[in-house]
């Protein structure tokens, strides 16, 4: 998420809104975003309703708690997923530059 924050002006210039979705409750998510200095939108899904719809729930993932597995999506204005990256390992993250590259491919 740090790389997304670092490239936020580039995403904004391309008309992309960066949004993070967490299974954590709002107070935990707000604290994390504030502590890390993230300025993009964080949404909370403590019941994992949306996370389940995108098949991202990793049950018992972190210290026995359900977590959302890492994923990145590019969704157009009509709600169609145009690109996605899914990871089974919560320690492996895609870099913002890779997402910007994929966005460039979609714009062609």
N, C-alpha and C. Protein backbone atom coordinates (compact mmCIF):
# COMPACT_ATOMS: atom_id res chain seq x y z
N UNK A 1 0.82 -1.19 0.00
CA UNK A 1 0.00 0.00 0.00
C UNK A 1 0.86 1.25 0.00
N UNK A 2 2.09 1.11 0.53
CA UNK A 2 2.98 2.27 0.50
C UNK A 2 3.29 2.69 -0.92
N UNK A 3 3.47 1.70 -1.81
CA UNK A 3 3.78 2.06 -3.19
C UNK A 3 2.58 2.73 -3.86
N UNK A 4 1.37 2.33 -3.48
CA UNK A 4 0.18 3.00 -4.02
C UNK A 4 0.13 4.44 -3.56
N UNK A 5 0.43 4.66 -2.28
CA UNK A 5 0.44 6.03 -1.75
C UNK A 5 1.50 6.86 -2.48
N UNK A 6 2.66 6.29 -2.72
CA UNK A 6 3.73 7.01 -3.39
C UNK A 6 3.41 7.39 -4.82
N UNK A 7 2.58 6.59 -5.46
CA UNK A 7 2.20 6.85 -6.87
C UNK A 7 0.80 7.43 -6.99
N UNK A 8 0.21 7.82 -5.87
CA UNK A 8 -1.16 8.34 -5.88
C UNK A 8 -1.36 9.49 -6.87
N UNK A 9 -0.43 10.44 -6.98
CA UNK A 9 -0.63 11.51 -7.98
C UNK A 9 -0.72 10.98 -9.41
N UNK A 10 0.03 9.92 -9.71
CA UNK A 10 -0.03 9.34 -11.05
C UNK A 10 -1.37 8.65 -11.30
N UNK A 11 -1.86 7.95 -10.29
CA UNK A 11 -3.18 7.33 -10.43
C UNK A 11 -4.25 8.40 -10.62
N UNK A 12 -4.19 9.43 -9.82
CA UNK A 12 -5.17 10.52 -9.90
C UNK A 12 -5.12 11.19 -11.26
N UNK A 13 -3.92 11.44 -11.79
CA UNK A 13 -3.76 12.07 -13.09
C UNK A 13 -4.37 11.22 -14.21
N UNK A 14 -4.43 9.92 -14.00
CA UNK A 14 -5.01 9.01 -15.01
C UNK A 14 -6.50 8.75 -14.76
N UNK A 15 -7.05 9.44 -13.79
CA UNK A 15 -8.47 9.30 -13.51
C UNK A 15 -8.82 8.06 -12.70
N UNK A 16 -7.83 7.52 -11.98
CA UNK A 16 -8.04 6.30 -11.20
C UNK A 16 -8.20 6.67 -9.73
N UNK A 17 -9.21 6.11 -9.12
CA UNK A 17 -9.43 6.29 -7.68
C UNK A 17 -8.91 5.04 -6.98
N UNK A 18 -7.96 5.22 -6.09
CA UNK A 18 -7.41 4.11 -5.32
C UNK A 18 -8.27 3.92 -4.09
N UNK A 19 -8.71 2.67 -3.88
CA UNK A 19 -9.56 2.32 -2.75
C UNK A 19 -9.03 1.02 -2.16
N UNK A 20 -8.89 0.99 -0.85
CA UNK A 20 -8.49 -0.24 -0.15
C UNK A 20 -9.70 -0.80 0.58
N UNK A 21 -9.77 -2.11 0.64
CA UNK A 21 -10.86 -2.78 1.33
C UNK A 21 -10.26 -3.71 2.37
N UNK A 22 -10.75 -3.60 3.60
CA UNK A 22 -10.21 -4.39 4.70
C UNK A 22 -11.32 -5.12 5.43
N UNK A 23 -10.99 -6.30 5.93
CA UNK A 23 -11.92 -7.06 6.75
C UNK A 23 -11.91 -6.55 8.19
N UNK A 24 -10.94 -5.72 8.52
CA UNK A 24 -10.84 -5.18 9.88
C UNK A 24 -11.97 -4.19 10.17
N UNK A 25 -12.32 -4.04 11.43
CA UNK A 25 -13.35 -3.06 11.79
C UNK A 25 -12.86 -1.63 11.52
N UNK A 26 -13.79 -0.69 11.39
CA UNK A 26 -13.42 0.69 11.04
C UNK A 26 -12.36 1.32 11.93
N UNK A 27 -12.43 1.10 13.24
CA UNK A 27 -11.46 1.75 14.13
C UNK A 27 -10.04 1.23 13.89
N UNK A 28 -9.91 -0.04 13.58
CA UNK A 28 -8.59 -0.62 13.28
C UNK A 28 -8.07 -0.07 11.94
N UNK A 29 -8.94 -0.09 10.95
CA UNK A 29 -8.56 0.39 9.62
C UNK A 29 -8.18 1.86 9.65
N UNK A 30 -8.98 2.66 10.34
CA UNK A 30 -8.68 4.10 10.45
C UNK A 30 -7.33 4.33 11.12
N UNK A 31 -7.05 3.57 12.17
CA UNK A 31 -5.77 3.70 12.86
C UNK A 31 -4.60 3.34 11.97
N UNK A 32 -4.73 2.26 11.22
CA UNK A 32 -3.66 1.84 10.30
C UNK A 32 -3.42 2.91 9.23
N UNK A 33 -4.49 3.37 8.62
CA UNK A 33 -4.36 4.38 7.54
C UNK A 33 -3.72 5.65 8.08
N UNK A 34 -4.12 6.07 9.25
CA UNK A 34 -3.57 7.28 9.85
C UNK A 34 -2.09 7.10 10.20
N UNK A 35 -1.78 5.99 10.83
CA UNK A 35 -0.40 5.71 11.25
C UNK A 35 0.55 5.65 10.05
N UNK A 36 0.09 5.07 8.96
CA UNK A 36 0.94 4.92 7.77
C UNK A 36 0.90 6.14 6.85
N UNK A 37 -0.03 7.07 7.11
CA UNK A 37 -0.12 8.27 6.30
C UNK A 37 -0.79 8.07 4.95
N UNK A 38 -1.64 7.06 4.87
CA UNK A 38 -2.37 6.81 3.62
C UNK A 38 -3.47 7.85 3.45
N UNK A 39 -3.56 8.40 2.26
CA UNK A 39 -4.58 9.42 2.02
C UNK A 39 -5.67 8.95 1.06
N UNK A 40 -5.58 7.71 0.59
CA UNK A 40 -6.64 7.20 -0.27
C UNK A 40 -7.74 6.58 0.59
N UNK A 41 -8.85 6.29 -0.02
CA UNK A 41 -10.04 5.81 0.67
C UNK A 41 -9.88 4.37 1.15
N UNK A 42 -10.23 4.14 2.40
CA UNK A 42 -10.27 2.79 2.97
C UNK A 42 -11.72 2.46 3.28
N UNK A 43 -12.16 1.30 2.83
CA UNK A 43 -13.48 0.80 3.14
C UNK A 43 -13.34 -0.41 4.05
N UNK A 44 -14.31 -0.58 4.93
CA UNK A 44 -14.28 -1.70 5.87
C UNK A 44 -15.39 -2.69 5.54
N UNK A 45 -15.04 -3.94 5.59
CA UNK A 45 -15.98 -5.03 5.31
C UNK A 45 -15.83 -6.08 6.42
N UNK A 46 -16.16 -5.71 7.68
CA UNK A 46 -15.92 -6.61 8.80
C UNK A 46 -16.71 -7.92 8.73
N UNK A 47 -17.79 -7.95 7.97
CA UNK A 47 -18.54 -9.20 7.78
C UNK A 47 -18.09 -9.95 6.54
N UNK A 48 -17.10 -9.39 5.83
CA UNK A 48 -16.50 -10.00 4.64
C UNK A 48 -17.50 -10.27 3.52
N UNK A 49 -18.53 -9.47 3.43
CA UNK A 49 -19.54 -9.67 2.39
C UNK A 49 -18.97 -9.42 0.99
N UNK A 50 -18.34 -8.29 0.79
CA UNK A 50 -17.76 -7.96 -0.51
C UNK A 50 -16.52 -8.83 -0.76
N UNK A 51 -15.75 -9.02 0.28
CA UNK A 51 -14.54 -9.84 0.17
C UNK A 51 -14.90 -11.25 -0.30
N UNK A 52 -15.98 -11.81 0.19
CA UNK A 52 -16.43 -13.14 -0.25
C UNK A 52 -16.88 -13.10 -1.72
N UNK A 53 -17.56 -12.04 -2.12
CA UNK A 53 -18.04 -11.94 -3.51
C UNK A 53 -16.89 -11.97 -4.52
N UNK A 54 -15.77 -11.42 -4.12
CA UNK A 54 -14.60 -11.41 -4.99
C UNK A 54 -13.68 -12.60 -4.72
N UNK A 55 -14.14 -13.55 -3.91
CA UNK A 55 -13.41 -14.77 -3.56
C UNK A 55 -12.03 -14.45 -2.98
N UNK A 56 -12.00 -13.53 -2.02
CA UNK A 56 -10.74 -13.09 -1.44
C UNK A 56 -10.57 -13.46 0.03
N UNK A 57 -11.53 -14.16 0.61
CA UNK A 57 -11.44 -14.47 2.03
C UNK A 57 -10.44 -15.59 2.29
N UNK A 58 -9.52 -15.33 3.18
CA UNK A 58 -8.55 -16.34 3.64
C UNK A 58 -8.92 -16.60 5.09
N UNK A 59 -9.69 -17.66 5.30
CA UNK A 59 -10.19 -17.96 6.64
C UNK A 59 -9.05 -18.41 7.54
N UNK A 60 -9.02 -17.85 8.72
CA UNK A 60 -7.99 -18.21 9.70
C UNK A 60 -6.59 -17.85 9.26
N UNK A 61 -6.47 -16.79 8.47
CA UNK A 61 -5.19 -16.43 7.86
C UNK A 61 -4.17 -15.82 8.78
N UNK A 62 -4.54 -14.90 9.59
CA UNK A 62 -3.57 -14.20 10.44
C UNK A 62 -3.90 -14.47 11.90
N UNK A 63 -3.05 -15.22 12.55
CA UNK A 63 -3.26 -15.55 13.96
C UNK A 63 -4.67 -16.09 14.21
N UNK A 64 -5.18 -16.86 13.25
CA UNK A 64 -6.49 -17.47 13.39
C UNK A 64 -7.65 -16.59 12.99
N UNK A 65 -7.37 -15.34 12.60
CA UNK A 65 -8.43 -14.42 12.18
C UNK A 65 -8.60 -14.46 10.67
N UNK A 66 -9.83 -14.26 10.23
CA UNK A 66 -10.08 -14.18 8.79
C UNK A 66 -9.46 -12.90 8.25
N UNK A 67 -8.82 -13.01 7.11
CA UNK A 67 -8.25 -11.84 6.44
C UNK A 67 -8.62 -11.89 4.97
N UNK A 68 -8.49 -10.77 4.33
CA UNK A 68 -8.67 -10.72 2.88
C UNK A 68 -7.30 -10.98 2.26
N UNK A 69 -7.24 -11.91 1.32
CA UNK A 69 -5.96 -12.13 0.67
C UNK A 69 -5.67 -10.97 -0.27
N UNK A 70 -4.40 -10.67 -0.47
CA UNK A 70 -4.04 -9.52 -1.29
C UNK A 70 -4.56 -9.65 -2.73
N UNK A 71 -5.10 -8.56 -3.21
CA UNK A 71 -5.59 -8.53 -4.59
C UNK A 71 -5.66 -7.09 -5.05
N UNK A 72 -5.49 -6.92 -6.33
CA UNK A 72 -5.64 -5.60 -6.94
C UNK A 72 -6.58 -5.75 -8.12
N UNK A 73 -7.45 -4.77 -8.28
CA UNK A 73 -8.42 -4.77 -9.36
C UNK A 73 -8.41 -3.42 -10.05
N UNK A 74 -8.61 -3.44 -11.36
CA UNK A 74 -8.93 -2.23 -12.11
C UNK A 74 -10.36 -2.42 -12.58
N UNK A 75 -11.24 -1.58 -12.07
CA UNK A 75 -12.67 -1.67 -12.34
C UNK A 75 -13.09 -0.40 -13.06
N UNK A 76 -13.80 -0.56 -14.18
CA UNK A 76 -14.19 0.63 -14.94
C UNK A 76 -15.41 1.32 -14.32
N UNK A 77 -15.82 2.43 -14.93
CA UNK A 77 -16.92 3.23 -14.41
C UNK A 77 -18.25 2.48 -14.37
N UNK A 78 -18.37 1.40 -15.15
CA UNK A 78 -19.62 0.65 -15.17
C UNK A 78 -19.60 -0.54 -14.21
N UNK A 79 -18.47 -0.71 -13.49
CA UNK A 79 -18.36 -1.79 -12.53
C UNK A 79 -17.77 -3.08 -13.08
N UNK A 80 -17.30 -3.06 -14.31
CA UNK A 80 -16.70 -4.25 -14.91
C UNK A 80 -15.24 -4.34 -14.52
N UNK A 81 -14.84 -5.51 -14.03
CA UNK A 81 -13.44 -5.75 -13.69
C UNK A 81 -12.67 -5.93 -14.99
N UNK A 82 -11.73 -5.03 -15.24
CA UNK A 82 -10.93 -5.06 -16.48
C UNK A 82 -9.59 -5.77 -16.29
N UNK A 83 -9.14 -5.84 -15.06
CA UNK A 83 -7.87 -6.51 -14.76
C UNK A 83 -7.86 -6.84 -13.28
N UNK A 84 -7.20 -7.97 -12.94
CA UNK A 84 -7.07 -8.30 -11.53
C UNK A 84 -5.77 -9.06 -11.30
N UNK A 85 -5.28 -8.95 -10.11
CA UNK A 85 -4.10 -9.67 -9.66
C UNK A 85 -4.44 -10.26 -8.29
N UNK A 86 -4.36 -11.57 -8.18
CA UNK A 86 -4.68 -12.24 -6.92
C UNK A 86 -3.43 -12.92 -6.38
N UNK A 87 -3.27 -12.89 -5.09
CA UNK A 87 -2.11 -13.52 -4.45
C UNK A 87 -2.58 -14.43 -3.33
N UNK A 88 -1.94 -15.56 -3.22
CA UNK A 88 -2.23 -16.48 -2.11
C UNK A 88 -1.39 -16.13 -0.88
N UNK A 89 -0.30 -15.42 -1.09
CA UNK A 89 0.64 -15.11 -0.02
C UNK A 89 0.47 -13.64 0.39
N UNK A 90 0.00 -13.40 1.62
CA UNK A 90 -0.25 -12.03 2.05
C UNK A 90 1.02 -11.20 2.15
N UNK A 91 2.19 -11.85 2.11
CA UNK A 91 3.45 -11.12 2.16
C UNK A 91 3.91 -10.63 0.78
N UNK A 92 3.31 -11.17 -0.28
CA UNK A 92 3.69 -10.81 -1.65
C UNK A 92 2.71 -9.78 -2.19
N UNK A 93 3.23 -8.65 -2.57
CA UNK A 93 2.38 -7.58 -3.07
C UNK A 93 2.89 -7.10 -4.43
N UNK A 94 1.98 -6.70 -5.26
CA UNK A 94 2.35 -6.12 -6.54
C UNK A 94 2.72 -4.66 -6.31
N UNK A 95 3.61 -4.14 -7.11
CA UNK A 95 4.04 -2.75 -6.99
C UNK A 95 3.10 -1.84 -7.78
N UNK A 96 2.98 -0.62 -7.34
CA UNK A 96 2.12 0.36 -8.01
C UNK A 96 2.52 0.54 -9.47
N UNK A 97 3.82 0.47 -9.75
CA UNK A 97 4.29 0.64 -11.12
C UNK A 97 3.71 -0.43 -12.04
N UNK A 98 3.57 -1.65 -11.52
CA UNK A 98 2.99 -2.73 -12.31
C UNK A 98 1.51 -2.47 -12.61
N UNK A 99 0.81 -1.93 -11.65
CA UNK A 99 -0.61 -1.60 -11.86
C UNK A 99 -0.72 -0.48 -12.89
N UNK A 100 0.14 0.51 -12.80
CA UNK A 100 0.13 1.60 -13.78
C UNK A 100 0.44 1.07 -15.18
N UNK A 101 1.35 0.11 -15.28
CA UNK A 101 1.64 -0.51 -16.58
C UNK A 101 0.41 -1.21 -17.14
N UNK A 102 -0.29 -1.95 -16.28
CA UNK A 102 -1.51 -2.65 -16.72
C UNK A 102 -2.57 -1.64 -17.14
N UNK A 103 -2.66 -0.57 -16.41
CA UNK A 103 -3.62 0.48 -16.75
C UNK A 103 -3.29 1.05 -18.13
N UNK A 104 -2.02 1.28 -18.41
CA UNK A 104 -1.60 1.76 -19.72
C UNK A 104 -1.98 0.81 -20.83
N UNK A 105 -1.86 -0.49 -20.59
CA UNK A 105 -2.24 -1.49 -21.59
C UNK A 105 -3.74 -1.44 -21.87
N UNK A 106 -4.52 -1.22 -20.82
CA UNK A 106 -5.97 -1.15 -20.99
C UNK A 106 -6.40 0.09 -21.76
N UNK A 107 -5.67 1.17 -21.59
CA UNK A 107 -6.03 2.43 -22.25
C UNK A 107 -5.74 2.40 -23.75
N UNK A 108 -4.90 1.44 -24.18
CA UNK A 108 -4.54 1.35 -25.61
C UNK A 108 -5.65 0.81 -26.44
